[in-house]
N, C-alpha and C. Protein backbone atom coordinates (compact mmCIF):
# COMPACT_ATOMS: atom_id res chain seq x y z
N MET A 1 -85.01 36.59 -94.09
CA MET A 1 -84.62 35.24 -94.50
C MET A 1 -83.10 35.13 -94.48
N ARG A 2 -82.61 34.93 -93.28
CA ARG A 2 -81.16 34.93 -93.06
C ARG A 2 -80.44 33.74 -93.68
N LEU A 3 -81.16 32.67 -94.02
CA LEU A 3 -80.50 31.46 -94.50
C LEU A 3 -80.77 31.18 -95.98
N LYS A 4 -81.23 32.19 -96.70
CA LYS A 4 -81.46 32.01 -98.13
C LYS A 4 -80.15 31.61 -98.80
N GLY A 5 -80.19 30.55 -99.60
CA GLY A 5 -79.00 30.05 -100.27
C GLY A 5 -78.22 29.03 -99.45
N LYS A 6 -78.63 28.77 -98.22
CA LYS A 6 -77.97 27.77 -97.37
C LYS A 6 -78.69 26.44 -97.51
N LYS A 7 -77.92 25.36 -97.38
CA LYS A 7 -78.48 24.01 -97.52
C LYS A 7 -78.12 23.21 -96.28
N VAL A 8 -79.13 22.58 -95.68
CA VAL A 8 -78.95 21.87 -94.42
C VAL A 8 -79.42 20.43 -94.56
N ALA A 9 -78.59 19.49 -94.14
CA ALA A 9 -78.98 18.08 -94.04
C ALA A 9 -79.54 17.86 -92.65
N TYR A 10 -80.76 17.37 -92.54
CA TYR A 10 -81.37 17.08 -91.24
C TYR A 10 -81.59 15.58 -91.17
N LEU A 11 -80.90 14.92 -90.24
CA LEU A 11 -80.94 13.46 -90.15
C LEU A 11 -82.23 12.98 -89.49
N VAL A 12 -82.66 11.77 -89.88
CA VAL A 12 -83.87 11.18 -89.29
C VAL A 12 -83.73 9.67 -89.23
N GLU A 13 -84.32 9.09 -88.21
CA GLU A 13 -84.43 7.64 -88.04
C GLU A 13 -85.63 7.39 -87.15
N GLU A 14 -86.02 6.15 -87.02
CA GLU A 14 -87.18 5.77 -86.21
C GLU A 14 -87.01 6.22 -84.76
N GLY A 15 -88.09 6.78 -84.19
CA GLY A 15 -88.06 7.18 -82.79
C GLY A 15 -87.46 8.55 -82.54
N PHE A 16 -87.39 9.40 -83.59
CA PHE A 16 -86.88 10.76 -83.38
C PHE A 16 -87.80 11.49 -82.42
N GLU A 17 -87.25 12.45 -81.68
CA GLU A 17 -88.08 13.31 -80.82
C GLU A 17 -88.79 14.29 -81.74
N ASP A 18 -90.12 14.16 -81.81
CA ASP A 18 -90.93 14.91 -82.78
C ASP A 18 -90.62 16.41 -82.80
N LEU A 19 -90.63 17.04 -81.64
CA LEU A 19 -90.41 18.49 -81.59
C LEU A 19 -88.98 18.87 -81.94
N GLU A 20 -88.01 18.05 -81.54
CA GLU A 20 -86.61 18.35 -81.85
C GLU A 20 -86.30 18.15 -83.33
N PHE A 21 -87.18 17.46 -84.02
CA PHE A 21 -87.05 17.33 -85.47
C PHE A 21 -87.83 18.44 -86.18
N TRP A 22 -89.14 18.47 -85.97
CA TRP A 22 -89.99 19.34 -86.77
C TRP A 22 -89.85 20.83 -86.47
N VAL A 23 -89.65 21.22 -85.22
CA VAL A 23 -89.54 22.66 -84.93
C VAL A 23 -88.30 23.26 -85.59
N PRO A 24 -87.09 22.68 -85.41
CA PRO A 24 -85.94 23.26 -86.12
C PRO A 24 -86.05 23.17 -87.64
N VAL A 25 -86.60 22.07 -88.17
CA VAL A 25 -86.78 21.98 -89.62
C VAL A 25 -87.63 23.15 -90.12
N MET A 26 -88.75 23.39 -89.44
CA MET A 26 -89.62 24.51 -89.85
C MET A 26 -88.93 25.86 -89.66
N ARG A 27 -88.19 26.00 -88.58
CA ARG A 27 -87.49 27.26 -88.31
C ARG A 27 -86.43 27.54 -89.39
N LEU A 28 -85.68 26.52 -89.77
CA LEU A 28 -84.67 26.67 -90.81
C LEU A 28 -85.32 27.03 -92.14
N ARG A 29 -86.41 26.36 -92.47
CA ARG A 29 -87.13 26.66 -93.71
C ARG A 29 -87.71 28.08 -93.67
N GLU A 30 -88.22 28.48 -92.52
CA GLU A 30 -88.76 29.82 -92.36
C GLU A 30 -87.69 30.88 -92.65
N GLU A 31 -86.45 30.58 -92.32
CA GLU A 31 -85.33 31.50 -92.57
C GLU A 31 -84.79 31.37 -93.99
N GLY A 32 -85.39 30.50 -94.81
CA GLY A 32 -84.99 30.41 -96.21
C GLY A 32 -84.03 29.29 -96.56
N ALA A 33 -83.65 28.46 -95.59
CA ALA A 33 -82.73 27.36 -95.88
C ALA A 33 -83.43 26.26 -96.67
N GLU A 34 -82.68 25.61 -97.52
CA GLU A 34 -83.15 24.39 -98.17
C GLU A 34 -82.80 23.25 -97.22
N VAL A 35 -83.80 22.59 -96.66
CA VAL A 35 -83.59 21.50 -95.71
C VAL A 35 -83.83 20.18 -96.42
N VAL A 36 -82.82 19.33 -96.42
CA VAL A 36 -82.89 18.01 -97.03
C VAL A 36 -82.96 16.99 -95.90
N ILE A 37 -84.02 16.22 -95.86
CA ILE A 37 -84.18 15.20 -94.83
C ILE A 37 -83.40 13.96 -95.27
N VAL A 38 -82.46 13.54 -94.43
CA VAL A 38 -81.53 12.47 -94.77
C VAL A 38 -81.74 11.30 -93.81
N GLY A 39 -82.08 10.15 -94.36
CA GLY A 39 -82.29 8.95 -93.57
C GLY A 39 -81.17 7.94 -93.77
N THR A 40 -81.39 6.76 -93.25
CA THR A 40 -80.40 5.68 -93.35
C THR A 40 -80.70 4.75 -94.51
N GLY A 41 -81.90 4.82 -95.05
CA GLY A 41 -82.31 3.90 -96.10
C GLY A 41 -82.99 2.66 -95.55
N ARG A 42 -83.08 2.57 -94.25
CA ARG A 42 -83.68 1.41 -93.60
C ARG A 42 -85.19 1.36 -93.81
N GLN A 43 -85.82 2.54 -93.90
CA GLN A 43 -87.26 2.64 -94.11
C GLN A 43 -87.54 3.82 -95.02
N ARG A 44 -88.72 3.81 -95.64
CA ARG A 44 -89.12 4.94 -96.50
C ARG A 44 -89.77 6.05 -95.70
N GLU A 45 -90.21 5.74 -94.48
CA GLU A 45 -90.83 6.74 -93.62
C GLU A 45 -90.53 6.35 -92.17
N PHE A 46 -90.29 7.36 -91.34
CA PHE A 46 -89.98 7.11 -89.94
C PHE A 46 -91.03 7.79 -89.06
N GLN A 47 -91.30 7.17 -87.93
CA GLN A 47 -92.26 7.73 -86.98
C GLN A 47 -91.52 8.21 -85.74
N GLY A 48 -91.91 9.40 -85.28
CA GLY A 48 -91.34 9.96 -84.07
C GLY A 48 -91.90 9.29 -82.83
N LYS A 49 -91.31 9.60 -81.69
CA LYS A 49 -91.73 9.04 -80.41
C LYS A 49 -93.19 9.33 -80.10
N HIS A 50 -93.70 10.44 -80.60
CA HIS A 50 -95.07 10.86 -80.27
C HIS A 50 -96.02 10.76 -81.47
N GLY A 51 -95.60 10.06 -82.53
CA GLY A 51 -96.50 9.74 -83.62
C GLY A 51 -96.36 10.54 -84.90
N LEU A 52 -95.63 11.67 -84.88
CA LEU A 52 -95.44 12.40 -86.14
C LEU A 52 -94.52 11.60 -87.05
N LYS A 53 -94.71 11.77 -88.34
CA LYS A 53 -93.91 11.02 -89.32
C LYS A 53 -93.01 11.94 -90.11
N ALA A 54 -91.94 11.38 -90.64
CA ALA A 54 -91.01 12.11 -91.50
C ALA A 54 -90.55 11.17 -92.60
N ARG A 55 -90.54 11.69 -93.81
CA ARG A 55 -90.11 10.91 -94.97
C ARG A 55 -88.80 11.50 -95.49
N PRO A 56 -87.73 10.70 -95.52
CA PRO A 56 -86.45 11.21 -96.02
C PRO A 56 -86.50 11.55 -97.51
N ASP A 57 -85.73 12.57 -97.88
CA ASP A 57 -85.56 12.93 -99.28
C ASP A 57 -84.50 12.07 -99.94
N THR A 58 -83.55 11.60 -99.12
CA THR A 58 -82.42 10.82 -99.62
C THR A 58 -81.81 10.06 -98.45
N THR A 59 -80.70 9.40 -98.70
CA THR A 59 -80.01 8.66 -97.64
C THR A 59 -78.59 9.19 -97.44
N ALA A 60 -78.05 8.90 -96.28
CA ALA A 60 -76.70 9.37 -95.94
C ALA A 60 -75.65 8.84 -96.92
N ASP A 61 -75.88 7.66 -97.47
CA ASP A 61 -74.93 7.08 -98.41
C ASP A 61 -74.91 7.80 -99.75
N ARG A 62 -75.92 8.63 -100.01
CA ARG A 62 -76.03 9.30 -101.31
C ARG A 62 -75.67 10.78 -101.27
N VAL A 63 -75.29 11.28 -100.10
CA VAL A 63 -74.96 12.71 -100.00
C VAL A 63 -73.52 12.90 -99.54
N ARG A 64 -73.03 14.11 -99.77
CA ARG A 64 -71.68 14.48 -99.34
C ARG A 64 -71.77 15.71 -98.45
N ALA A 65 -70.95 15.74 -97.43
CA ALA A 65 -70.93 16.90 -96.52
C ALA A 65 -70.65 18.19 -97.27
N ALA A 66 -69.84 18.12 -98.30
CA ALA A 66 -69.47 19.32 -99.06
C ALA A 66 -70.67 19.99 -99.73
N ASP A 67 -71.77 19.26 -99.86
CA ASP A 67 -72.98 19.81 -100.49
C ASP A 67 -73.85 20.59 -99.52
N PHE A 68 -73.46 20.64 -98.23
CA PHE A 68 -74.29 21.26 -97.20
C PHE A 68 -73.50 22.29 -96.40
N ASP A 69 -74.25 23.25 -95.86
CA ASP A 69 -73.67 24.22 -94.94
C ASP A 69 -73.72 23.70 -93.51
N ALA A 70 -74.63 22.76 -93.26
CA ALA A 70 -74.79 22.22 -91.91
C ALA A 70 -75.42 20.83 -91.96
N VAL A 71 -75.14 20.06 -90.91
CA VAL A 71 -75.78 18.77 -90.68
C VAL A 71 -76.36 18.84 -89.28
N VAL A 72 -77.66 18.52 -89.13
CA VAL A 72 -78.32 18.62 -87.84
C VAL A 72 -78.93 17.27 -87.47
N ILE A 73 -78.84 16.96 -86.16
CA ILE A 73 -79.29 15.67 -85.65
C ILE A 73 -80.31 15.91 -84.54
N PRO A 74 -81.52 15.32 -84.66
CA PRO A 74 -82.51 15.45 -83.59
C PRO A 74 -82.23 14.43 -82.50
N GLY A 75 -82.88 14.62 -81.36
CA GLY A 75 -82.74 13.66 -80.27
C GLY A 75 -83.80 12.58 -80.35
N GLY A 76 -84.15 12.05 -79.18
CA GLY A 76 -85.07 10.93 -79.11
C GLY A 76 -84.30 9.63 -79.15
N TRP A 77 -84.95 8.59 -79.64
CA TRP A 77 -84.28 7.28 -79.76
C TRP A 77 -83.53 7.17 -81.08
N ALA A 78 -83.78 8.06 -82.01
CA ALA A 78 -83.17 8.01 -83.34
C ALA A 78 -81.63 8.03 -83.31
N PRO A 79 -80.99 8.87 -82.47
CA PRO A 79 -79.53 8.91 -82.51
C PRO A 79 -78.86 7.55 -82.25
N ASP A 80 -79.49 6.72 -81.41
CA ASP A 80 -78.91 5.40 -81.15
C ASP A 80 -78.93 4.53 -82.40
N LYS A 81 -79.91 4.75 -83.27
CA LYS A 81 -79.97 4.02 -84.54
C LYS A 81 -79.08 4.68 -85.59
N LEU A 82 -79.08 6.01 -85.63
CA LEU A 82 -78.27 6.74 -86.60
C LEU A 82 -76.79 6.42 -86.45
N ARG A 83 -76.31 6.34 -85.21
CA ARG A 83 -74.87 6.14 -84.98
C ARG A 83 -74.38 4.76 -85.38
N ARG A 84 -75.27 3.86 -85.68
CA ARG A 84 -74.88 2.51 -86.11
C ARG A 84 -74.69 2.44 -87.63
N HIS A 85 -75.03 3.51 -88.32
CA HIS A 85 -75.00 3.54 -89.78
C HIS A 85 -73.71 4.22 -90.25
N ASP A 86 -72.88 3.50 -90.97
CA ASP A 86 -71.59 4.04 -91.41
C ASP A 86 -71.73 5.30 -92.24
N GLY A 87 -72.75 5.36 -93.10
CA GLY A 87 -72.95 6.55 -93.94
C GLY A 87 -73.25 7.79 -93.10
N VAL A 88 -74.00 7.63 -92.03
CA VAL A 88 -74.29 8.75 -91.13
C VAL A 88 -73.03 9.21 -90.43
N LYS A 89 -72.25 8.26 -89.89
CA LYS A 89 -71.00 8.63 -89.20
C LYS A 89 -70.04 9.33 -90.16
N ARG A 90 -69.97 8.84 -91.40
CA ARG A 90 -69.10 9.48 -92.40
C ARG A 90 -69.57 10.91 -92.68
N LEU A 91 -70.89 11.09 -92.86
CA LEU A 91 -71.42 12.42 -93.15
C LEU A 91 -71.09 13.40 -92.02
N VAL A 92 -71.30 12.99 -90.78
CA VAL A 92 -71.02 13.86 -89.64
C VAL A 92 -69.53 14.10 -89.51
N ARG A 93 -68.72 13.07 -89.66
CA ARG A 93 -67.26 13.22 -89.58
C ARG A 93 -66.74 14.15 -90.67
N ASP A 94 -67.24 13.97 -91.89
CA ASP A 94 -66.81 14.83 -93.00
C ASP A 94 -67.29 16.27 -92.82
N ALA A 95 -68.51 16.45 -92.33
CA ALA A 95 -69.01 17.81 -92.07
C ALA A 95 -68.12 18.50 -91.05
N TYR A 96 -67.76 17.80 -90.01
CA TYR A 96 -66.87 18.35 -88.99
C TYR A 96 -65.50 18.69 -89.60
N ALA A 97 -64.93 17.75 -90.34
CA ALA A 97 -63.61 17.94 -90.94
C ALA A 97 -63.59 19.09 -91.94
N GLN A 98 -64.71 19.32 -92.62
CA GLN A 98 -64.81 20.39 -93.60
C GLN A 98 -65.31 21.69 -92.98
N ASP A 99 -65.35 21.72 -91.66
CA ASP A 99 -65.73 22.91 -90.90
C ASP A 99 -67.13 23.40 -91.22
N ARG A 100 -68.04 22.45 -91.45
CA ARG A 100 -69.46 22.77 -91.60
C ARG A 100 -70.08 22.81 -90.20
N ILE A 101 -71.22 23.45 -90.06
CA ILE A 101 -71.92 23.45 -88.78
C ILE A 101 -72.51 22.06 -88.54
N VAL A 102 -72.33 21.55 -87.32
CA VAL A 102 -72.93 20.29 -86.89
C VAL A 102 -73.80 20.61 -85.68
N GLY A 103 -75.11 20.41 -85.82
CA GLY A 103 -76.05 20.69 -84.73
C GLY A 103 -76.53 19.40 -84.09
N ALA A 104 -76.62 19.40 -82.75
CA ALA A 104 -77.06 18.22 -82.02
C ALA A 104 -77.84 18.65 -80.79
N ILE A 105 -79.01 18.06 -80.59
CA ILE A 105 -79.84 18.38 -79.43
C ILE A 105 -80.24 17.10 -78.70
N CYS A 106 -80.27 17.18 -77.39
CA CYS A 106 -80.72 16.10 -76.52
C CYS A 106 -79.80 14.87 -76.64
N HIS A 107 -80.31 13.73 -77.07
CA HIS A 107 -79.50 12.52 -77.20
C HIS A 107 -78.70 12.49 -78.51
N ALA A 108 -78.83 13.51 -79.33
CA ALA A 108 -78.14 13.54 -80.63
C ALA A 108 -76.63 13.50 -80.49
N GLY A 109 -76.11 13.88 -79.33
CA GLY A 109 -74.65 13.84 -79.12
C GLY A 109 -74.04 12.47 -79.33
N TRP A 110 -74.85 11.42 -79.24
CA TRP A 110 -74.34 10.08 -79.49
C TRP A 110 -73.76 9.95 -80.90
N VAL A 111 -74.32 10.67 -81.87
CA VAL A 111 -73.86 10.52 -83.25
C VAL A 111 -72.46 11.11 -83.43
N PRO A 112 -72.18 12.37 -83.03
CA PRO A 112 -70.80 12.85 -83.13
C PRO A 112 -69.83 12.09 -82.23
N ILE A 113 -70.33 11.53 -81.11
CA ILE A 113 -69.45 10.67 -80.30
C ILE A 113 -69.00 9.49 -81.15
N SER A 114 -69.95 8.79 -81.77
CA SER A 114 -69.61 7.62 -82.59
C SER A 114 -68.82 7.99 -83.83
N ALA A 115 -68.99 9.23 -84.30
CA ALA A 115 -68.19 9.70 -85.45
C ALA A 115 -66.78 10.09 -85.02
N GLY A 116 -66.54 10.16 -83.72
CA GLY A 116 -65.20 10.43 -83.20
C GLY A 116 -64.78 11.88 -83.27
N VAL A 117 -65.74 12.83 -83.11
CA VAL A 117 -65.38 14.24 -83.32
C VAL A 117 -65.66 15.17 -82.14
N VAL A 118 -66.00 14.66 -80.97
CA VAL A 118 -66.34 15.55 -79.86
C VAL A 118 -65.17 15.88 -78.94
N ARG A 119 -64.10 15.14 -79.00
CA ARG A 119 -62.97 15.35 -78.09
C ARG A 119 -62.50 16.80 -78.13
N GLY A 120 -62.36 17.39 -76.94
CA GLY A 120 -61.85 18.75 -76.83
C GLY A 120 -62.90 19.84 -76.97
N HIS A 121 -64.13 19.47 -77.21
CA HIS A 121 -65.21 20.46 -77.37
C HIS A 121 -66.06 20.54 -76.11
N ARG A 122 -66.64 21.73 -75.89
CA ARG A 122 -67.69 21.86 -74.89
C ARG A 122 -68.95 21.28 -75.53
N ALA A 123 -69.78 20.61 -74.72
CA ALA A 123 -70.97 19.96 -75.27
C ALA A 123 -72.07 19.91 -74.22
N THR A 124 -73.30 19.78 -74.70
CA THR A 124 -74.43 19.54 -73.81
C THR A 124 -75.38 18.58 -74.50
N GLY A 125 -76.43 18.25 -73.80
CA GLY A 125 -77.45 17.34 -74.30
C GLY A 125 -78.28 16.87 -73.13
N ALA A 126 -79.06 15.84 -73.35
CA ALA A 126 -79.83 15.26 -72.26
C ALA A 126 -78.86 14.82 -71.16
N PRO A 127 -79.20 15.07 -69.90
CA PRO A 127 -78.31 14.65 -68.81
C PRO A 127 -77.93 13.17 -68.89
N ALA A 128 -78.76 12.35 -69.49
CA ALA A 128 -78.49 10.92 -69.61
C ALA A 128 -77.25 10.61 -70.45
N ILE A 129 -76.82 11.54 -71.31
CA ILE A 129 -75.63 11.26 -72.12
C ILE A 129 -74.40 12.03 -71.64
N ARG A 130 -74.49 12.67 -70.49
CA ARG A 130 -73.36 13.41 -69.95
C ARG A 130 -72.11 12.53 -69.84
N ASP A 131 -72.26 11.35 -69.23
CA ASP A 131 -71.11 10.45 -69.09
C ASP A 131 -70.55 10.05 -70.45
N ASP A 132 -71.43 9.81 -71.42
CA ASP A 132 -70.97 9.41 -72.76
C ASP A 132 -70.13 10.52 -73.39
N LEU A 133 -70.61 11.76 -73.28
CA LEU A 133 -69.87 12.89 -73.84
C LEU A 133 -68.52 13.07 -73.14
N GLU A 134 -68.53 13.00 -71.81
CA GLU A 134 -67.28 13.16 -71.07
C GLU A 134 -66.31 12.02 -71.36
N ASN A 135 -66.81 10.80 -71.44
CA ASN A 135 -65.94 9.66 -71.75
C ASN A 135 -65.37 9.74 -73.16
N ALA A 136 -66.04 10.47 -74.04
CA ALA A 136 -65.54 10.67 -75.41
C ALA A 136 -64.60 11.87 -75.50
N GLY A 137 -64.37 12.55 -74.37
CA GLY A 137 -63.40 13.64 -74.36
C GLY A 137 -63.99 15.03 -74.44
N ALA A 138 -65.31 15.16 -74.35
CA ALA A 138 -65.94 16.49 -74.38
C ALA A 138 -66.04 17.02 -72.95
N GLN A 139 -66.17 18.33 -72.84
CA GLN A 139 -66.39 18.98 -71.55
C GLN A 139 -67.87 19.29 -71.43
N TRP A 140 -68.54 18.71 -70.44
CA TRP A 140 -69.98 18.90 -70.24
C TRP A 140 -70.27 20.31 -69.76
N VAL A 141 -71.28 20.94 -70.36
CA VAL A 141 -71.75 22.25 -69.94
C VAL A 141 -73.27 22.13 -69.78
N ASP A 142 -73.78 22.50 -68.62
CA ASP A 142 -75.22 22.45 -68.39
C ASP A 142 -75.83 23.79 -68.81
N ALA A 143 -76.09 23.93 -70.10
CA ALA A 143 -76.64 25.16 -70.66
C ALA A 143 -77.69 24.78 -71.70
N ALA A 144 -78.66 25.67 -71.90
CA ALA A 144 -79.76 25.39 -72.82
C ALA A 144 -79.26 25.14 -74.25
N ALA A 145 -78.38 25.98 -74.73
CA ALA A 145 -77.86 25.86 -76.10
C ALA A 145 -76.66 26.78 -76.25
N PHE A 146 -75.72 26.39 -77.08
CA PHE A 146 -74.57 27.24 -77.34
C PHE A 146 -73.81 26.70 -78.54
N ARG A 147 -72.90 27.53 -79.01
CA ARG A 147 -72.02 27.16 -80.11
C ARG A 147 -70.61 26.99 -79.57
N ASP A 148 -69.94 25.94 -80.03
CA ASP A 148 -68.54 25.71 -79.72
C ASP A 148 -67.84 25.33 -81.02
N GLY A 149 -67.06 26.25 -81.58
CA GLY A 149 -66.46 26.01 -82.89
C GLY A 149 -67.55 25.85 -83.93
N ASN A 150 -67.52 24.73 -84.66
CA ASN A 150 -68.56 24.52 -85.65
C ASN A 150 -69.69 23.63 -85.12
N PHE A 151 -69.69 23.34 -83.82
CA PHE A 151 -70.80 22.62 -83.19
C PHE A 151 -71.83 23.60 -82.64
N VAL A 152 -73.11 23.23 -82.76
CA VAL A 152 -74.20 23.91 -82.05
C VAL A 152 -74.88 22.83 -81.22
N TRP A 153 -74.93 23.05 -79.90
CA TRP A 153 -75.47 22.07 -78.98
C TRP A 153 -76.76 22.59 -78.35
N GLY A 154 -77.72 21.68 -78.16
CA GLY A 154 -78.95 21.98 -77.43
C GLY A 154 -79.19 20.90 -76.41
N ARG A 155 -79.77 21.29 -75.28
CA ARG A 155 -79.90 20.35 -74.15
C ARG A 155 -81.12 19.43 -74.31
N VAL A 156 -82.33 19.96 -74.22
CA VAL A 156 -83.54 19.13 -74.22
C VAL A 156 -84.69 19.86 -74.92
N VAL A 157 -85.85 19.21 -75.01
CA VAL A 157 -87.02 19.76 -75.71
C VAL A 157 -87.31 21.20 -75.28
N GLU A 158 -87.31 21.45 -73.97
CA GLU A 158 -87.65 22.79 -73.48
C GLU A 158 -86.69 23.87 -74.00
N ASP A 159 -85.52 23.46 -74.46
CA ASP A 159 -84.50 24.40 -74.94
C ASP A 159 -84.52 24.59 -76.45
N ILE A 160 -85.52 24.05 -77.13
CA ILE A 160 -85.59 24.16 -78.59
C ILE A 160 -85.53 25.61 -79.07
N PRO A 161 -86.23 26.58 -78.45
CA PRO A 161 -86.10 27.96 -78.94
C PRO A 161 -84.66 28.47 -78.91
N ASP A 162 -83.93 28.19 -77.81
CA ASP A 162 -82.53 28.60 -77.71
C ASP A 162 -81.67 27.87 -78.75
N PHE A 163 -81.93 26.57 -78.92
CA PHE A 163 -81.19 25.79 -79.91
C PHE A 163 -81.41 26.35 -81.31
N CYS A 164 -82.67 26.65 -81.64
CA CYS A 164 -82.97 27.20 -82.97
C CYS A 164 -82.28 28.54 -83.19
N ARG A 165 -82.30 29.42 -82.18
CA ARG A 165 -81.62 30.71 -82.31
C ARG A 165 -80.12 30.51 -82.55
N ALA A 166 -79.50 29.65 -81.76
CA ALA A 166 -78.05 29.40 -81.91
C ALA A 166 -77.75 28.77 -83.27
N LEU A 167 -78.60 27.85 -83.70
CA LEU A 167 -78.40 27.16 -84.98
C LEU A 167 -78.51 28.12 -86.15
N VAL A 168 -79.57 28.92 -86.17
CA VAL A 168 -79.76 29.88 -87.27
C VAL A 168 -78.59 30.87 -87.30
N GLU A 169 -78.21 31.39 -86.15
CA GLU A 169 -77.09 32.34 -86.08
C GLU A 169 -75.80 31.72 -86.61
N ALA A 170 -75.52 30.48 -86.19
CA ALA A 170 -74.29 29.81 -86.62
C ALA A 170 -74.28 29.59 -88.13
N ILE A 171 -75.37 29.09 -88.68
CA ILE A 171 -75.41 28.83 -90.12
C ILE A 171 -75.33 30.13 -90.90
N ALA A 172 -75.98 31.18 -90.40
CA ALA A 172 -76.00 32.47 -91.10
C ALA A 172 -74.63 33.13 -91.12
N THR A 173 -73.84 32.96 -90.08
CA THR A 173 -72.59 33.71 -89.95
C THR A 173 -71.32 32.90 -90.19
N HIS A 174 -71.42 31.58 -90.17
CA HIS A 174 -70.23 30.74 -90.26
C HIS A 174 -69.68 30.68 -91.68
N VAL A 175 -68.40 30.88 -91.80
CA VAL A 175 -67.71 30.71 -93.07
C VAL A 175 -66.70 29.59 -92.85
N PRO A 176 -66.92 28.43 -93.51
CA PRO A 176 -66.00 27.31 -93.30
C PRO A 176 -64.57 27.67 -93.64
N GLY A 177 -63.68 27.27 -92.76
CA GLY A 177 -62.25 27.49 -93.00
C GLY A 177 -61.60 26.24 -93.55
N PRO A 178 -60.41 26.38 -94.06
CA PRO A 178 -59.72 25.21 -94.61
C PRO A 178 -59.36 24.25 -93.47
N GLN A 179 -59.60 23.00 -93.69
CA GLN A 179 -59.28 21.95 -92.73
C GLN A 179 -58.39 20.94 -93.43
N ARG A 180 -57.59 20.25 -92.66
CA ARG A 180 -56.83 19.14 -93.22
C ARG A 180 -56.81 18.02 -92.21
N GLU A 181 -56.67 16.83 -92.71
CA GLU A 181 -56.73 15.66 -91.86
C GLU A 181 -55.36 14.97 -91.92
N GLU A 182 -54.81 14.63 -90.76
CA GLU A 182 -53.55 13.91 -90.68
C GLU A 182 -53.71 12.72 -89.76
N ALA A 183 -53.44 11.54 -90.26
CA ALA A 183 -53.47 10.32 -89.47
C ALA A 183 -54.75 10.21 -88.63
N GLY A 184 -55.88 10.56 -89.23
CA GLY A 184 -57.15 10.42 -88.54
C GLY A 184 -57.46 11.50 -87.53
N THR A 185 -56.58 12.47 -87.35
CA THR A 185 -56.83 13.55 -86.41
C THR A 185 -57.21 14.80 -87.17
N ILE A 186 -58.24 15.46 -86.73
CA ILE A 186 -58.68 16.69 -87.38
C ILE A 186 -57.80 17.82 -86.88
N ILE A 187 -57.23 18.56 -87.79
CA ILE A 187 -56.37 19.69 -87.44
C ILE A 187 -57.14 20.98 -87.74
N GLY A 188 -56.98 21.97 -86.89
CA GLY A 188 -57.62 23.26 -87.16
C GLY A 188 -58.66 23.63 -86.15
N HIS A 189 -58.92 22.77 -85.16
CA HIS A 189 -59.87 23.08 -84.09
C HIS A 189 -59.12 23.05 -82.76
N ASP A 190 -59.42 24.02 -81.92
CA ASP A 190 -58.80 24.04 -80.60
C ASP A 190 -59.60 23.21 -79.63
């Protein structure tokens, strides 16, 4: 149980990719992490693209990045809805600024793009968001999953095992460093 004592916020909204949500959630719990399902407050329960449901424990407006070791975002259609919610963007931006792990798979890259934190990082996701990531200043890498700084990226559903391995490893070994913010720019990341 490599993640005993770790706390992870896992974001959810309508149309999440069922496997990109439930498989990592179960994998993190299997490793001993406390996983808190965080929604937007728009609904009490959300349905995935393939019919599985998820009920949030709380909302993004009620949590702080400092209370978590990581924030993870599933793909599907949910990221397009998540990125429109100010509380979600704040949570992801604050997690990044506080050097917490930020995990994103498939279309989830839209959320850190909208939070303004991908510039200068290597990134992957569904090929459909390659232009979005590059236009936001990230360097596209066509790889199943990898870690870049405090980001953990996964490409698509088929890459979930690689994404889960990279995510568990990052959360288990990462020690947040001191960060400071100046004029809206995050300092401390190359």
